[in-house]
Amino acid sequence: MSSIFTKIINREIPSKIFYETDLVIVIADHAPKTPVHLLIIPKVKTKNFFVTNSETLQILNETAKLVADKLGIADHFKILINNGFGQEVDHLHYHFMSDRGKDKLEFIE
């Protein structure tokens, strides 16, 4: 069964997309906890942080830096990764959160 993230990636479910490449998608969290709350999701499904290969983790980390730069908040954000504990979707994703940069959020979809 496809995860909700796979359905978003395949455009079966609509989402606000902030950034996308062939390898990663960045979307708005549907229930934001901070003014900026984005999800950085690899397009290759991987269950969690612990089992993910280093190449995918590198892509996620580079994307987090790019997002911070695009929002002008390279010195003011946090990344949260749930690994089993607190993880609602079995598809690795980073929660990118900040209380700054909301004015620079522009979505492509």
Protein backbone atom coordinates (compact mmCIF):
# COMPACT_ATOMS: atom_id res chain seq x y z
CA MET A 1 0.00 0.00 0.00
CA SER A 2 1.29 3.46 -0.93
CA SER A 3 2.08 5.92 1.81
CA ILE A 4 0.49 9.36 1.80
CA PHE A 5 3.87 10.74 0.70
CA THR A 6 4.03 8.41 -2.29
CA LYS A 7 0.53 9.56 -3.24
CA ILE A 8 1.63 13.21 -2.96
CA ILE A 9 4.75 12.52 -5.04
CA ASN A 10 2.58 10.80 -7.69
CA ARG A 11 0.09 13.70 -7.59
CA GLU A 12 -2.73 11.46 -6.40
CA ILE A 13 -3.22 13.79 -3.41
CA PRO A 14 -2.79 17.56 -3.68
CA SER A 15 -0.20 19.34 -1.57
CA LYS A 16 1.51 22.71 -1.38
CA ILE A 17 4.90 22.09 -2.95
CA PHE A 18 7.73 24.43 -1.99
CA TYR A 19 10.57 22.74 -3.91
CA GLU A 20 11.04 19.63 -6.04
CA THR A 21 13.68 17.72 -7.98
CA ASP A 22 13.80 14.21 -9.40
CA LEU A 23 15.04 12.97 -6.00
CA VAL A 24 13.24 15.02 -3.36
CA ILE A 25 10.06 16.98 -2.71
CA VAL A 26 9.48 19.68 -0.08
CA ILE A 27 5.88 20.30 0.96
CA ALA A 28 3.96 22.26 3.57
CA ASP A 29 3.00 20.23 6.62
CA HIS A 30 -0.80 19.82 6.76
CA ALA A 31 -0.81 20.59 10.50
CA PRO A 32 2.03 23.08 11.04
CA LYS A 33 3.54 23.44 14.50
CA THR A 34 5.52 26.60 13.62
CA PRO A 35 5.05 29.44 11.11
CA VAL A 36 7.41 27.59 8.73
CA HIS A 37 6.82 23.85 8.87
CA LEU A 38 7.90 21.98 5.76
CA LEU A 39 8.46 18.29 5.12
CA ILE A 40 11.54 17.24 3.14
CA ILE A 41 10.77 13.86 1.60
CA PRO A 42 12.96 11.63 -0.57
CA LYS A 43 11.14 10.33 -3.61
CA VAL A 44 12.66 6.90 -3.08
CA LYS A 45 10.67 5.29 -0.29
CA THR A 46 12.79 4.39 2.68
CA LYS A 47 11.24 3.40 6.00
CA ASN A 48 13.23 5.49 8.48
CA PHE A 49 16.48 7.26 9.26
CA PHE A 50 18.24 4.17 10.59
CA VAL A 51 17.85 2.10 7.40
CA THR A 52 18.37 4.90 4.88
CA ASN A 53 21.51 4.89 2.74
CA SER A 54 24.04 7.70 3.01
CA GLU A 55 23.31 9.04 -0.49
CA THR A 56 19.66 9.67 0.36
CA LEU A 57 20.59 11.26 3.69
CA GLN A 58 23.04 13.53 1.87
CA ILE A 59 20.28 14.63 -0.53
CA LEU A 60 17.98 15.40 2.40
CA ASN A 61 20.68 17.35 4.22
CA GLU A 62 21.60 19.36 1.12
CA THR A 63 17.93 20.09 0.52
CA ALA A 64 17.51 21.33 4.09
CA LYS A 65 20.41 23.75 3.54
CA LEU A 66 18.89 24.90 0.26
CA VAL A 67 15.49 25.50 1.89
CA ALA A 68 17.09 27.49 4.71
CA ASP A 69 18.97 29.57 2.17
CA LYS A 70 15.86 30.19 0.03
CA LEU A 71 14.00 31.38 3.14
CA GLY A 72 16.91 33.50 4.36
CA ILE A 73 17.07 31.66 7.69
CA ALA A 74 20.34 29.73 7.47
CA ASP A 75 21.02 30.56 11.11
CA HIS A 76 17.54 29.98 12.54
CA PHE A 77 15.75 26.67 11.96
CA LYS A 78 15.47 23.17 13.33
CA ILE A 79 15.13 19.77 11.73
CA LEU A 80 13.20 17.00 13.43
CA ILE A 81 13.46 13.38 12.34
CA ASN A 82 11.20 10.76 13.89
CA ASN A 83 12.63 7.24 13.72
CA GLY A 84 9.87 4.90 14.80
CA PHE A 85 9.15 6.94 17.94
CA GLY A 86 6.61 9.57 16.90
CA GLN A 87 6.77 8.54 13.24
CA GLU A 88 3.29 8.56 11.72
CA VAL A 89 4.25 7.66 8.14
CA ASP A 90 6.67 4.84 7.31
CA HIS A 91 8.51 6.97 4.75
CA LEU A 92 11.52 8.93 6.00
CA HIS A 93 11.00 12.68 6.08
CA TYR A 94 12.56 15.68 7.77
CA HIS A 95 10.43 18.27 9.51
CA PHE A 96 11.98 21.66 8.71
CA MET A 97 10.70 24.25 11.19
CA SER A 98 11.27 27.89 12.04
CA ASP A 99 9.49 30.91 13.42
CA ARG A 100 11.10 33.04 10.70
CA GLY A 101 10.97 33.08 6.91
CA LYS A 102 7.21 32.72 6.45
CA ASP A 103 7.13 35.85 4.27
CA LYS A 104 9.40 34.07 1.75
CA LEU A 105 7.31 30.90 1.44
CA GLU A 106 6.21 30.52 -2.17
CA PHE A 107 4.60 27.34 -3.35
CA ILE A 108 4.79 25.97 -6.90
CA GLU A 109 1.56 23.98 -6.52
